[in-house]
Amino acid sequence: MDGGAGWAGSSHRRDRKAHGRRYTRQTLHRHERIRLAFTVRKKARLARMEQPHEKCSPELQISSDRIARLEAENLRLAAENYILLEQFAGWAYNAHTRNWRIEFSDSSLPGVDREQSGRTR
């Protein structure tokens, strides 16, 4: 969710990637990963705005922007990883309390029956 300020700033990229469909802020807010990415990015941008800006060469500015973008991505991935680890811990606890065996979890999925059914169209 790089670039743009707030939900309105990201709507142009979002619309382009969604084949012209327009989603409201409320719709996007229901998706945990989008909400998390937006929150992390917003905090990173606010922290960067508080830092004093120095005049520097264009090459140094490009490198600085890339570092800031990668740091923001790293923060987002760390936050997402934390949430996934919490979810996994819940799954592990529930499996343990229900006497779930690893052999059952590691069993392969049943095969797909690709034979034609007896129905006519």
PDB file of N, CA and C in Angstrom:
ATOM      1  N   MET A   1       0.835  -1.170   0.000  1.00  0.00           N
ATOM      2  CA  MET A   1       0.000   0.000   0.000  1.00  0.00           C
ATOM      3  C   MET A   1       0.888   1.244   0.000  1.00  0.00           C
ATOM      4  N   ASP A   2       1.874   1.234  -0.850  1.00  0.00           N
ATOM      5  CA  ASP A   2       2.791   2.350  -0.920  1.00  0.00           C
ATOM      6  C   ASP A   2       2.182   3.497  -1.700  1.00  0.00           C
ATOM      7  N   GLY A   3       2.608   4.702  -1.353  1.00  0.00           N
ATOM      8  CA  GLY A   3       2.182   5.881  -2.068  1.00  0.00           C
ATOM      9  C   GLY A   3       0.789   6.325  -1.668  1.00  0.00           C
ATOM     10  N   GLY A   4       0.444   7.539  -2.022  1.00  0.00           N
ATOM     11  CA  GLY A   4      -0.875   8.046  -1.702  1.00  0.00           C
ATOM     12  C   GLY A   4      -1.058   8.256  -0.221  1.00  0.00           C
ATOM     13  N   ALA A   5      -1.895   9.192   0.144  1.00  0.00           N
ATOM     14  CA  ALA A   5      -2.145   9.463   1.546  1.00  0.00           C
ATOM     15  C   ALA A   5      -3.535   8.967   1.899  1.00  0.00           C
ATOM     16  N   GLY A   6      -3.602   7.931   2.700  1.00  0.00           N
ATOM     17  CA  GLY A   6      -4.885   7.433   3.165  1.00  0.00           C
ATOM     18  C   GLY A   6      -5.579   6.560   2.142  1.00  0.00           C
ATOM     19  N   TRP A   7      -6.828   6.242   2.480  1.00  0.00           N
ATOM     20  CA  TRP A   7      -7.625   5.359   1.614  1.00  0.00           C
ATOM     21  C   TRP A   7      -7.841   5.975   0.242  1.00  0.00           C
ATOM     22  N   ALA A   8      -8.078   7.279   0.205  1.00  0.00           N
ATOM     23  CA  ALA A   8      -8.351   7.934  -1.075  1.00  0.00           C
ATOM     24  C   ALA A   8      -7.132   7.877  -1.983  1.00  0.00           C
ATOM     25  N   GLY A   9      -5.937   8.014  -1.417  1.00  0.00           N
ATOM     26  CA  GLY A   9      -4.713   7.981  -2.205  1.00  0.00           C
ATOM     27  C   GLY A   9      -4.436   6.622  -2.794  1.00  0.00           C
ATOM     28  N   SER A  10      -4.891   5.578  -2.137  1.00  0.00           N
ATOM     29  CA  SER A  10      -4.629   4.234  -2.642  1.00  0.00           C
ATOM     30  C   SER A  10      -5.728   3.747  -3.580  1.00  0.00           C
ATOM     31  N   SER A  11      -6.804   4.518  -3.721  1.00  0.00           N
ATOM     32  CA  SER A  11      -7.937   4.048  -4.525  1.00  0.00           C
ATOM     33  C   SER A  11      -7.591   3.931  -6.004  1.00  0.00           C
ATOM     34  N   HIS A  12      -6.730   4.807  -6.518  1.00  0.00           N
ATOM     35  CA  HIS A  12      -6.384   4.755  -7.935  1.00  0.00           C
ATOM     36  C   HIS A  12      -5.688   3.435  -8.273  1.00  0.00           C
ATOM     37  N   ARG A  13      -4.671   3.050  -7.492  1.00  0.00           N
ATOM     38  CA  ARG A  13      -3.979   1.784  -7.731  1.00  0.00           C
ATOM     39  C   ARG A  13      -4.918   0.616  -7.518  1.00  0.00           C
ATOM     40  N   ARG A  14      -5.752   0.696  -6.506  1.00  0.00           N
ATOM     41  CA  ARG A  14      -6.675  -0.390  -6.184  1.00  0.00           C
ATOM     42  C   ARG A  14      -7.659  -0.592  -7.329  1.00  0.00           C
ATOM     43  N   ASP A  15      -8.207   0.494  -7.879  1.00  0.00           N
ATOM     44  CA  ASP A  15      -9.167   0.387  -8.975  1.00  0.00           C
ATOM     45  C   ASP A  15      -8.502  -0.198 -10.216  1.00  0.00           C
ATOM     46  N   ARG A  16      -7.277   0.206 -10.484  1.00  0.00           N
ATOM     47  CA  ARG A  16      -6.573  -0.278 -11.662  1.00  0.00           C
ATOM     48  C   ARG A  16      -6.341  -1.787 -11.548  1.00  0.00           C
ATOM     49  N   LYS A  17      -6.011  -2.277 -10.360  1.00  0.00           N
ATOM     50  CA  LYS A  17      -5.740  -3.685 -10.179  1.00  0.00           C
ATOM     51  C   LYS A  17      -7.019  -4.507 -10.078  1.00  0.00           C
ATOM     52  N   ALA A  18      -8.131  -3.892  -9.779  1.00  0.00           N
ATOM     53  CA  ALA A  18      -9.393  -4.613  -9.582  1.00  0.00           C
ATOM     54  C   ALA A  18     -10.280  -4.554 -10.822  1.00  0.00           C
ATOM     55  N   HIS A  19      -9.696  -4.326 -11.981  1.00  0.00           N
ATOM     56  CA  HIS A  19     -10.423  -4.323 -13.251  1.00  0.00           C
ATOM     57  C   HIS A  19     -11.573  -3.325 -13.249  1.00  0.00           C
ATOM     58  N   GLY A  20     -11.328  -2.143 -12.712  1.00  0.00           N
ATOM     59  CA  GLY A  20     -12.326  -1.088 -12.760  1.00  0.00           C
ATOM     60  C   GLY A  20     -13.348  -1.132 -11.650  1.00  0.00           C
ATOM     61  N   ARG A  21     -13.349  -2.157 -10.820  1.00  0.00           N
ATOM     62  CA  ARG A  21     -14.309  -2.204  -9.714  1.00  0.00           C
ATOM     63  C   ARG A  21     -13.864  -1.224  -8.636  1.00  0.00           C
ATOM     64  N   ARG A  22     -14.829  -0.620  -7.999  1.00  0.00           N
ATOM     65  CA  ARG A  22     -14.515   0.325  -6.924  1.00  0.00           C
ATOM     66  C   ARG A  22     -14.987  -0.266  -5.600  1.00  0.00           C
ATOM     67  N   TYR A  23     -14.092  -0.298  -4.638  1.00  0.00           N
ATOM     68  CA  TYR A  23     -14.409  -0.810  -3.313  1.00  0.00           C
ATOM     69  C   TYR A  23     -14.415   0.349  -2.330  1.00  0.00           C
ATOM     70  N   THR A  24     -15.333   0.306  -1.387  1.00  0.00           N
ATOM     71  CA  THR A  24     -15.395   1.350  -0.378  1.00  0.00           C
ATOM     72  C   THR A  24     -14.356   1.096   0.693  1.00  0.00           C
ATOM     73  N   ARG A  25     -14.066   2.109   1.471  1.00  0.00           N
ATOM     74  CA  ARG A  25     -13.129   1.984   2.586  1.00  0.00           C
ATOM     75  C   ARG A  25     -13.625   0.939   3.570  1.00  0.00           C
ATOM     76  N   GLN A  26     -14.935   0.901   3.788  1.00  0.00           N
ATOM     77  CA  GLN A  26     -15.499  -0.059   4.735  1.00  0.00           C
ATOM     78  C   GLN A  26     -15.304  -1.499   4.252  1.00  0.00           C
ATOM     79  N   THR A  27     -15.445  -1.722   2.962  1.00  0.00           N
ATOM     80  CA  THR A  27     -15.238  -3.058   2.411  1.00  0.00           C
ATOM     81  C   THR A  27     -13.795  -3.492   2.594  1.00  0.00           C
ATOM     82  N   LEU A  28     -12.867  -2.603   2.296  1.00  0.00           N
ATOM     83  CA  LEU A  28     -11.454  -2.941   2.455  1.00  0.00           C
ATOM     84  C   LEU A  28     -11.090  -3.123   3.925  1.00  0.00           C
ATOM     85  N   HIS A  29     -11.738  -2.383   4.796  1.00  0.00           N
ATOM     86  CA  HIS A  29     -11.436  -2.458   6.230  1.00  0.00           C
ATOM     87  C   HIS A  29     -11.817  -3.821   6.813  1.00  0.00           C
ATOM     88  N   ARG A  30     -12.716  -4.540   6.170  1.00  0.00           N
ATOM     89  CA  ARG A  30     -13.115  -5.864   6.647  1.00  0.00           C
ATOM     90  C   ARG A  30     -12.038  -6.917   6.410  1.00  0.00           C
ATOM     91  N   HIS A  31     -11.116  -6.662   5.497  1.00  0.00           N
ATOM     92  CA  HIS A  31     -10.052  -7.613   5.193  1.00  0.00           C
ATOM     93  C   HIS A  31      -8.861  -7.348   6.110  1.00  0.00           C
ATOM     94  N   GLU A  32      -8.532  -8.336   6.929  1.00  0.00           N
ATOM     95  CA  GLU A  32      -7.500  -8.172   7.955  1.00  0.00           C
ATOM     96  C   GLU A  32      -6.146  -7.784   7.362  1.00  0.00           C
ATOM     97  N   ARG A  33      -5.728  -8.435   6.295  1.00  0.00           N
ATOM     98  CA  ARG A  33      -4.406  -8.148   5.721  1.00  0.00           C
ATOM     99  C   ARG A  33      -4.346  -6.734   5.142  1.00  0.00           C
ATOM    100  N   ILE A  34      -5.414  -6.284   4.527  1.00  0.00           N
ATOM    101  CA  ILE A  34      -5.432  -4.930   3.972  1.00  0.00           C
ATOM    102  C   ILE A  34      -5.414  -3.915   5.096  1.00  0.00           C
ATOM    103  N   ARG A  35      -6.219  -4.153   6.131  1.00  0.00           N
ATOM    104  CA  ARG A  35      -6.266  -3.235   7.271  1.00  0.00           C
ATOM    105  C   ARG A  35      -4.899  -3.169   7.953  1.00  0.00           C
ATOM    106  N   LEU A  36      -4.251  -4.315   8.137  1.00  0.00           N
ATOM    107  CA  LEU A  36      -2.940  -4.349   8.772  1.00  0.00           C
ATOM    108  C   LEU A  36      -1.905  -3.617   7.925  1.00  0.00           C
ATOM    109  N   ALA A  37      -1.894  -3.876   6.626  1.00  0.00           N
ATOM    110  CA  ALA A  37      -0.935  -3.216   5.735  1.00  0.00           C
ATOM    111  C   ALA A  37      -1.141  -1.704   5.752  1.00  0.00           C
ATOM    112  N   PHE A  38      -2.380  -1.259   5.747  1.00  0.00           N
ATOM    113  CA  PHE A  38      -2.672   0.168   5.771  1.00  0.00           C
ATOM    114  C   PHE A  38      -2.199   0.792   7.080  1.00  0.00           C
ATOM    115  N   THR A  39      -2.459   0.136   8.204  1.00  0.00           N
ATOM    116  CA  THR A  39      -2.073   0.670   9.507  1.00  0.00           C
ATOM    117  C   THR A  39      -0.561   0.767   9.642  1.00  0.00           C
ATOM    118  N   VAL A  40       0.138  -0.289   9.250  1.00  0.00           N
ATOM    119  CA  VAL A  40       1.598  -0.287   9.349  1.00  0.00           C
ATOM    120  C   VAL A  40       2.193   0.781   8.447  1.00  0.00           C
ATOM    121  N   ARG A  41       1.680   0.880   7.239  1.00  0.00           N
ATOM    122  CA  ARG A  41       2.190   1.877   6.294  1.00  0.00           C
ATOM    123  C   ARG A  41       1.931   3.295   6.792  1.00  0.00           C
ATOM    124  N   LYS A  42       0.766   3.514   7.372  1.00  0.00           N
ATOM    125  CA  LYS A  42       0.425   4.838   7.883  1.00  0.00           C
ATOM    126  C   LYS A  42       1.368   5.230   9.019  1.00  0.00           C
ATOM    127  N   LYS A  43       1.659   4.287   9.923  1.00  0.00           N
ATOM    128  CA  LYS A  43       2.583   4.580  11.026  1.00  0.00           C
ATOM    129  C   LYS A  43       3.989   4.869  10.497  1.00  0.00           C
ATOM    130  N   ALA A  44       4.423   4.109   9.497  1.00  0.00           N
ATOM    131  CA  ALA A  44       5.754   4.325   8.927  1.00  0.00           C
ATOM    132  C   ALA A  44       5.846   5.694   8.253  1.00  0.00           C
ATOM    133  N   ARG A  45       4.798   6.087   7.565  1.00  0.00           N
ATOM    134  CA  ARG A  45       4.801   7.400   6.899  1.00  0.00           C
ATOM    135  C   ARG A  45       4.803   8.527   7.910  1.00  0.00           C
ATOM    136  N   LEU A  46       4.035   8.379   8.994  1.00  0.00           N
ATOM    137  CA  LEU A  46       4.022   9.416  10.027  1.00  0.00           C
ATOM    138  C   LEU A  46       5.379   9.539  10.699  1.00  0.00           C
ATOM    139  N   ALA A  47       6.024   8.417  10.961  1.00  0.00           N
ATOM    140  CA  ALA A  47       7.350   8.444  11.568  1.00  0.00           C
ATOM    141  C   ALA A  47       8.358   9.099  10.634  1.00  0.00           C
ATOM    142  N   ARG A  48       8.224   8.839   9.349  1.00  0.00           N
ATOM    143  CA  ARG A  48       9.149   9.429   8.380  1.00  0.00           C
ATOM    144  C   ARG A  48       8.922  10.932   8.234  1.00  0.00           C
ATOM    145  N   MET A  49       7.680  11.371   8.349  1.00  0.00           N
ATOM    146  CA  MET A  49       7.379  12.797   8.232  1.00  0.00           C
ATOM    147  C   MET A  49       7.945  13.580   9.409  1.00  0.00           C
ATOM    148  N   GLU A  50       8.086  12.932  10.569  1.00  0.00           N
ATOM    149  CA  GLU A  50       8.610  13.605  11.746  1.00  0.00           C
ATOM    150  C   GLU A  50      10.119  13.800  11.669  1.00  0.00           C
ATOM    151  N   GLN A  51      10.804  13.029  10.833  1.00  0.00           N
ATOM    152  CA  GLN A  51      12.243  13.157  10.693  1.00  0.00           C
ATOM    153  C   GLN A  51      12.568  14.382   9.854  1.00  0.00           C
ATOM    154  N   PRO A  52      13.643  15.110  10.215  1.00  0.00           N
ATOM    155  CA  PRO A  52      14.012  16.280   9.407  1.00  0.00           C
ATOM    156  C   PRO A  52      14.532  15.841   8.038  1.00  0.00           C
ATOM    157  N   HIS A  53      14.142  16.583   7.018  1.00  0.00           N
ATOM    158  CA  HIS A  53      14.568  16.275   5.653  1.00  0.00           C
ATOM    159  C   HIS A  53      15.802  17.100   5.316  1.00  0.00           C
ATOM    160  N   GLU A  54      16.773  16.451   4.710  1.00  0.00           N
ATOM    161  CA  GLU A  54      17.986  17.141   4.283  1.00  0.00           C
ATOM    162  C   GLU A  54      18.043  17.155   2.762  1.00  0.00           C
ATOM    163  N   LYS A  55      18.647  18.182   2.222  1.00  0.00           N
ATOM    164  CA  LYS A  55      18.871  18.217   0.778  1.00  0.00           C
ATOM    165  C   LYS A  55      19.987  17.250   0.451  1.00  0.00           C
ATOM    166  N   CYS A  56      19.750  16.399  -0.540  1.00  0.00           N
ATOM    167  CA  CYS A  56      20.771  15.438  -0.941  1.00  0.00           C
ATOM    168  C   CYS A  56      20.660  15.194  -2.438  1.00  0.00           C
ATOM    169  N   SER A  57      21.611  14.451  -2.937  1.00  0.00           N
ATOM    170  CA  SER A  57      21.633  14.174  -4.373  1.00  0.00           C
ATOM    171  C   SER A  57      20.451  13.287  -4.750  1.00  0.00           C
ATOM    172  N   PRO A  58      20.056  13.316  -6.024  1.00  0.00           N
ATOM    173  CA  PRO A  58      18.940  12.471  -6.461  1.00  0.00           C
ATOM    174  C   PRO A  58      19.198  10.983  -6.241  1.00  0.00           C
ATOM    175  N   GLU A  59      20.440  10.545  -6.448  1.00  0.00           N
ATOM    176  CA  GLU A  59      20.765   9.138  -6.246  1.00  0.00           C
ATOM    177  C   GLU A  59      20.582   8.743  -4.789  1.00  0.00           C
ATOM    178  N   LEU A  60      21.034   9.613  -3.899  1.00  0.00           N
ATOM    179  CA  LEU A  60      20.896   9.346  -2.469  1.00  0.00           C
ATOM    180  C   LEU A  60      19.428   9.370  -2.051  1.00  0.00           C
ATOM    181  N   GLN A  61      18.646  10.253  -2.650  1.00  0.00           N
ATOM    182  CA  GLN A  61      17.218  10.325  -2.341  1.00  0.00           C
ATOM    183  C   GLN A  61      16.498   9.050  -2.797  1.00  0.00           C
ATOM    184  N   ILE A  62      16.854   8.548  -3.974  1.00  0.00           N
ATOM    185  CA  ILE A  62      16.256   7.303  -4.471  1.00  0.00           C
ATOM    186  C   ILE A  62      16.597   6.153  -3.538  1.00  0.00           C
ATOM    187  N   SER A  63      17.852   6.079  -3.130  1.00  0.00           N
ATOM    188  CA  SER A  63      18.275   5.018  -2.213  1.00  0.00           C
ATOM    189  C   SER A  63      17.567   5.144  -0.871  1.00  0.00           C
ATOM    190  N   SER A  64      17.438   6.357  -0.389  1.00  0.00           N
ATOM    191  CA  SER A  64      16.758   6.597   0.888  1.00  0.00           C
ATOM    192  C   SER A  64      15.285   6.201   0.808  1.00  0.00           C
ATOM    193  N   ASP A  65      14.638   6.527  -0.297  1.00  0.00           N
ATOM    194  CA  ASP A  65      13.231   6.147  -0.478  1.00  0.00           C
ATOM    195  C   ASP A  65      13.075   4.630  -0.539  1.00  0.00           C
ATOM    196  N   ARG A  66      14.006   3.969  -1.216  1.00  0.00           N
ATOM    197  CA  ARG A  66      13.946   2.509  -1.317  1.00  0.00           C
ATOM    198  C   ARG A  66      14.140   1.869   0.046  1.00  0.00           C
ATOM    199  N   ILE A  67      15.076   2.386   0.827  1.00  0.00           N
ATOM    200  CA  ILE A  67      15.304   1.853   2.175  1.00  0.00           C
ATOM    201  C   ILE A  67      14.061   2.044   3.030  1.00  0.00           C
ATOM    202  N   ALA A  68      13.444   3.217   2.953  1.00  0.00           N
ATOM    203  CA  ALA A  68      12.230   3.478   3.732  1.00  0.00           C
ATOM    204  C   ALA A  68      11.102   2.542   3.317  1.00  0.00           C
ATOM    205  N   ARG A  69      10.970   2.310   2.011  1.00  0.00           N
ATOM    206  CA  ARG A  69       9.924   1.409   1.523  1.00  0.00           C
ATOM    207  C   ARG A  69      10.165  -0.020   1.994  1.00  0.00           C
ATOM    208  N   LEU A  70      11.424  -0.465   1.942  1.00  0.00           N
ATOM    209  CA  LEU A  70      11.744  -1.818   2.392  1.00  0.00           C
ATOM    210  C   LEU A  70      11.577  -1.972   3.901  1.00  0.00           C
ATOM    211  N   GLU A  71      11.900  -0.925   4.651  1.00  0.00           N
ATOM    212  CA  GLU A  71      11.686  -0.968   6.106  1.00  0.00           C
ATOM    213  C   GLU A  71      10.198  -1.050   6.428  1.00  0.00           C
ATOM    214  N   ALA A  72       9.390  -0.298   5.692  1.00  0.00           N
ATOM    215  CA  ALA A  72       7.938  -0.348   5.903  1.00  0.00           C
ATOM    216  C   ALA A  72       7.398  -1.729   5.551  1.00  0.00           C
ATOM    217  N   GLU A  73       7.896  -2.324   4.472  1.00  0.00           N
ATOM    218  CA  GLU A  73       7.465  -3.665   4.092  1.00  0.00           C
ATOM    219  C   GLU A  73       7.885  -4.678   5.151  1.00  0.00           C
ATOM    220  N   ASN A  74       9.080  -4.506   5.688  1.00  0.00           N
ATOM    221  CA  ASN A  74       9.561  -5.389   6.741  1.00  0.00           C
ATOM    222  C   ASN A  74       8.674  -5.297   7.981  1.00  0.00           C
ATOM    223  N   LEU A  75       8.277  -4.091   8.356  1.00  0.00           N
ATOM    224  CA  LEU A  75       7.371  -3.909   9.499  1.00  0.00           C
ATOM    225  C   LEU A  75       6.030  -4.589   9.250  1.00  0.00           C
ATOM    226  N   ARG A  76       5.500  -4.436   8.035  1.00  0.00           N
ATOM    227  CA  ARG A  76       4.222  -5.051   7.702  1.00  0.00           C
ATOM    228  C   ARG A  76       4.317  -6.570   7.766  1.00  0.00           C
ATOM    229  N   LEU A  77       5.388  -7.125   7.208  1.00  0.00           N
ATOM    230  CA  LEU A  77       5.549  -8.577   7.218  1.00  0.00           C
ATOM    231  C   LEU A  77       5.753  -9.111   8.638  1.00  0.00           C
ATOM    232  N   ALA A  78       6.468  -8.358   9.464  1.00  0.00           N
ATOM    233  CA  ALA A  78       6.662  -8.779  10.860  1.00  0.00           C
ATOM    234  C   ALA A  78       5.333  -8.787  11.603  1.00  0.00           C
ATOM    235  N   ALA A  79       4.508  -7.769  11.390  1.00  0.00           N
ATOM    236  CA  ALA A  79       3.198  -7.715  12.043  1.00  0.00           C
ATOM    237  C   ALA A  79       2.296  -8.841  11.541  1.00  0.00           C
ATOM    238  N   GLU A  80       2.327  -9.103  10.248  1.00  0.00           N
ATOM    239  CA  GLU A  80       1.520 -10.180   9.685  1.00  0.00           C
ATOM    240  C   GLU A  80       1.998 -11.542  10.195  1.00  0.00           C
ATOM    241  N   ASN A  81       3.308 -11.710  10.311  1.00  0.00           N
ATOM    242  CA  ASN A  81       3.867 -12.949  10.831  1.00  0.00           C
ATOM    243  C   ASN A  81       3.442 -13.167  12.283  1.00  0.00           C
ATOM    244  N   TYR A  82       3.426 -12.110  13.076  1.00  0.00           N
ATOM    245  CA  TYR A  82       3.007 -12.216  14.467  1.00  0.00           C
ATOM    246  C   TYR A  82       1.555 -12.700  14.562  1.00  0.00           C
ATOM    247  N   ILE A  83       0.701 -12.148  13.733  1.00  0.00           N
ATOM    248  CA  ILE A  83      -0.709 -12.552  13.735  1.00  0.00           C
ATOM    249  C   ILE A  83      -0.847 -14.013  13.317  1.00  0.00           C
ATOM    250  N   LEU A  84      -0.094 -14.429  12.303  1.00  0.00           N
ATOM    251  CA  LEU A  84      -0.160 -15.824  11.862  1.00  0.00           C
ATOM    252  C   LEU A  84       0.373 -16.780  12.931  1.00  0.00           C
ATOM    253  N   LEU A  85       1.415 -16.372  13.661  1.00  0.00           N
ATOM    254  CA  LEU A  85       1.931 -17.207  14.746  1.00  0.00           C
ATOM    255  C   LEU A  85       0.908 -17.337  15.876  1.00  0.00           C
ATOM    256  N   GLU A  86       0.197 -16.239  16.173  1.00  0.00           N
ATOM    257  CA  GLU A  86      -0.873 -16.308  17.173  1.00  0.00           C
ATOM    258  C   GLU A  86      -1.967 -17.269  16.718  1.00  0.00           C
ATOM    259  N   GLN A  87      -2.327 -17.204  15.463  1.00  0.00           N
ATOM    260  CA  GLN A  87      -3.350 -18.093  14.915  1.00  0.00           C
ATOM    261  C   GLN A  87      -2.887 -19.548  14.998  1.00  0.00           C
ATOM    262  N   PHE A  88      -1.630 -19.799  14.658  1.00  0.00           N
ATOM    263  CA  PHE A  88      -1.104 -21.156  14.726  1.00  0.00           C
ATOM    264  C   PHE A  88      -1.097 -21.671  16.162  1.00  0.00           C
ATOM    265  N   ALA A  89      -0.739 -20.817  17.117  1.00  0.00           N
ATOM    266  CA  ALA A  89      -0.738 -21.231  18.523  1.00  0.00           C
ATOM    267  C   ALA A  89      -2.145 -21.630  18.953  1.00  0.00           C
ATOM    268  N   GLY A  90      -3.152 -20.899  18.503  1.00  0.00           N
ATOM    269  CA  GLY A  90      -4.536 -21.260  18.802  1.00  0.00           C
ATOM    270  C   GLY A  90      -4.914 -22.594  18.196  1.00  0.00           C
ATOM    271  N   TRP A  91      -4.490 -22.815  16.953  1.00  0.00           N
ATOM    272  CA  TRP A  91      -4.770 -24.098  16.301  1.00  0.00           C
ATOM    273  C   TRP A  91      -4.087 -25.241  17.038  1.00  0.00           C
ATOM    274  N   ALA A  92      -2.826 -25.028  17.436  1.00  0.00           N
ATOM    275  CA  ALA A  92      -2.082 -26.077  18.137  1.00  0.00           C
ATOM    276  C   ALA A  92      -2.746 -26.402  19.473  1.00  0.00           C
ATOM    277  N   TYR A  93      -3.192 -25.381  20.197  1.00  0.00           N
ATOM    278  CA  TYR A  93      -3.861 -25.606  21.468  1.00  0.00           C
ATOM    279  C   TYR A  93      -5.172 -26.375  21.260  1.00  0.00           C
ATOM    280  N   ASN A  94      -5.957 -25.953  20.279  1.00  0.00           N
ATOM    281  CA  ASN A  94      -7.225 -26.638  20.005  1.00  0.00           C
ATOM    282  C   ASN A  94      -6.995 -28.091  19.576  1.00  0.00           C
ATOM    283  N   ALA A  95      -5.967 -28.330  18.781  1.00  0.00           N
ATOM    284  CA  ALA A  95      -5.657 -29.696  18.363  1.00  0.00           C
ATOM    285  C   ALA A  95      -5.253 -30.534  19.576  1.00  0.00           C
ATOM    286  N   HIS A  96      -4.487 -29.949  20.466  1.00  0.00           N
ATOM    287  CA  HIS A  96      -4.043 -30.673  21.661  1.00  0.00           C
ATOM    288  C   HIS A  96      -5.223 -31.003  22.575  1.00  0.00           C
ATOM    289  N   THR A  97      -6.124 -30.060  22.790  1.00  0.00           N
ATOM    290  CA  THR A  97      -7.253 -30.294  23.694  1.00  0.00           C
ATOM    291  C   THR A  97      -8.253 -31.284  23.113  1.00  0.00           C
ATOM    292  N   ARG A  98      -8.278 -31.435  21.803  1.00  0.00           N
ATOM    293  CA  ARG A  98      -9.205 -32.378  21.166  1.00  0.00           C
ATOM    294  C   ARG A  98      -8.528 -33.702  20.796  1.00  0.00           C
ATOM    295  N   ASN A  99      -7.307 -33.897  21.319  1.00  0.00           N
ATOM    296  CA  ASN A  99      -6.561 -35.123  21.104  1.00  0.00           C
ATOM    297  C   ASN A  99      -6.330 -35.401  19.611  1.00  0.00           C
ATOM    298  N   TRP A 100      -6.018 -34.363  18.874  1.00  0.00           N
ATOM    299  CA  TRP A 100      -5.771 -34.438  17.443  1.00  0.00           C
ATOM    300  C   TRP A 100      -4.367 -34.998  17.225  1.00  0.00           C
ATOM    301  N   ARG A 101      -4.237 -36.003  16.415  1.00  0.00           N
ATOM    302  CA  ARG A 101      -2.949 -36.650  16.172  1.00  0.00           C
ATOM    303  C   ARG A 101      -2.291 -36.096  14.902  1.00  0.00           C
ATOM    304  N   ILE A 102      -0.978 -36.018  14.934  1.00  0.00           N
ATOM    305  CA  ILE A 102      -0.230 -35.513  13.787  1.00  0.00           C
ATOM    306  C   ILE A 102      -0.393 -36.435  12.586  1.00  0.00           C
ATOM    307  N   GLU A 103      -0.584 -37.724  12.819  1.00  0.00           N
ATOM    308  CA  GLU A 103      -0.768 -38.661  11.722  1.00  0.00           C
ATOM    309  C   GLU A 103      -2.024 -38.319  10.925  1.00  0.00           C
ATOM    310  N   PHE A 104      -3.054 -37.875  11.637  1.00  0.00           N
ATOM    311  CA  PHE A 104      -4.292 -37.482  10.964  1.00  0.00           C
ATOM    312  C   PHE A 104      -4.064 -36.214  10.145  1.00  0.00           C
ATOM    313  N   SER A 105      -3.307 -35.274  10.700  1.00  0.00           N
ATOM    314  CA  SER A 105      -3.051 -34.012  10.000  1.00  0.00           C
ATOM    315  C   SER A 105      -2.189 -34.208   8.772  1.00  0.00           C
ATOM    316  N   ASP A 106      -1.252 -35.166   8.834  1.00  0.00           N
ATOM    317  CA  ASP A 106      -0.339 -35.390   7.722  1.00  0.00           C
ATOM    318  C   ASP A 106      -0.898 -36.321   6.655  1.00  0.00           C
ATOM    319  N   SER A 107      -2.078 -36.881   6.887  1.00  0.00           N
ATOM    320  CA  SER A 107      -2.629 -37.786   5.877  1.00  0.00           C
ATOM    321  C   SER A 107      -2.982 -37.001   4.614  1.00  0.00           C
ATOM    322  N   SER A 108      -2.837 -37.658   3.473  1.00  0.00           N
ATOM    323  CA  SER A 108      -3.085 -36.965   2.206  1.00  0.00           C
ATOM    324  C   SER A 108      -4.587 -36.770   1.983  1.00  0.00           C
ATOM    325  N   LEU A 109      -4.894 -35.822   1.160  1.00  0.00           N
ATOM    326  CA  LEU A 109      -6.284 -35.549   0.818  1.00  0.00           C
ATOM    327  C   LEU A 109      -6.807 -36.662  -0.087  1.00  0.00           C
ATOM    328  N   PRO A 110      -8.108 -36.915  -0.052  1.00  0.00           N
ATOM    329  CA  PRO A 110      -8.652 -37.942  -0.943  1.00  0.00           C
ATOM    330  C   PRO A 110      -8.517 -37.502  -2.398  1.00  0.00           C
ATOM    331  N   GLY A 111      -8.386 -38.468  -3.269  1.00  0.00           N
ATOM    332  CA  GLY A 111      -8.242 -38.166  -4.683  1.00  0.00           C
ATOM    333  C   GLY A 111      -9.517 -37.580  -5.270  1.00  0.00           C
ATOM    334  N   VAL A 112      -9.375 -36.878  -6.358  1.00  0.00           N
ATOM    335  CA  VAL A 112     -10.512 -36.269  -7.033  1.00  0.00           C
ATOM    336  C   VAL A 112     -11.058 -37.255  -8.048  1.00  0.00           C
ATOM    337  N   ASP A 113     -12.361 -37.505  -7.982  1.00  0.00           N
ATOM    338  CA  ASP A 113     -13.000 -38.412  -8.926  1.00  0.00           C
ATOM    339  C   ASP A 113     -13.343 -37.617 -10.184  1.00  0.00           C
ATOM    340  N   ARG A 114     -12.602 -37.843 -11.231  1.00  0.00           N
ATOM    341  CA  ARG A 114     -12.780 -37.082 -12.464  1.00  0.00           C
ATOM    342  C   ARG A 114     -13.615 -37.831 -13.497  1.00  0.00           C
ATOM    343  N   GLU A 115     -14.230 -38.901 -13.087  1.00  0.00           N
ATOM    344  CA  GLU A 115     -15.085 -39.663 -13.995  1.00  0.00           C
ATOM    345  C   GLU A 115     -16.372 -38.877 -14.231  1.00  0.00           C
ATOM    346  N   GLN A 116     -16.957 -39.091 -15.375  1.00  0.00           N
ATOM    347  CA  GLN A 116     -18.184 -38.397 -15.730  1.00  0.00           C
ATOM    348  C   GLN A 116     -19.333 -38.953 -14.901  1.00  0.00           C
ATOM    349  N   SER A 117     -20.142 -38.074 -14.386  1.00  0.00           N
ATOM    350  CA  SER A 117     -21.279 -38.517 -13.581  1.00  0.00           C
ATOM    351  C   SER A 117     -22.388 -39.058 -14.494  1.00  0.00           C
ATOM    352  N   GLY A 118     -23.381 -39.701 -13.880  1.00  0.00           N
ATOM    353  CA  GLY A 118     -24.487 -40.276 -14.638  1.00  0.00           C
ATOM    354  C   GLY A 118     -25.501 -39.234 -15.084  1.00  0.00           C
ATOM    355  N   ARG A 119     -25.344 -37.997 -14.631  1.00  0.00           N
ATOM    356  CA  ARG A 119     -26.301 -36.942 -14.996  1.00  0.00           C
ATOM    357  C   ARG A 119     -26.131 -36.532 -16.450  1.00  0.00           C
ATOM    358  N   THR A 120     -27.243 -36.180 -17.052  1.00  0.00           N
ATOM    359  CA  THR A 120     -27.198 -35.624 -18.410  1.00  0.00           C
ATOM    360  C   THR A 120     -27.497 -34.141 -18.309  1.00  0.00           C
ATOM    361  N   ARG A 121     -26.950 -33.431 -19.223  1.00  0.00           N
ATOM    362  CA  ARG A 121     -27.150 -31.975 -19.178  1.00  0.00           C
ATOM    363  C   ARG A 121     -28.287 -31.533 -20.013  1.00  0.00           C
TER     364      ARG A 121
END
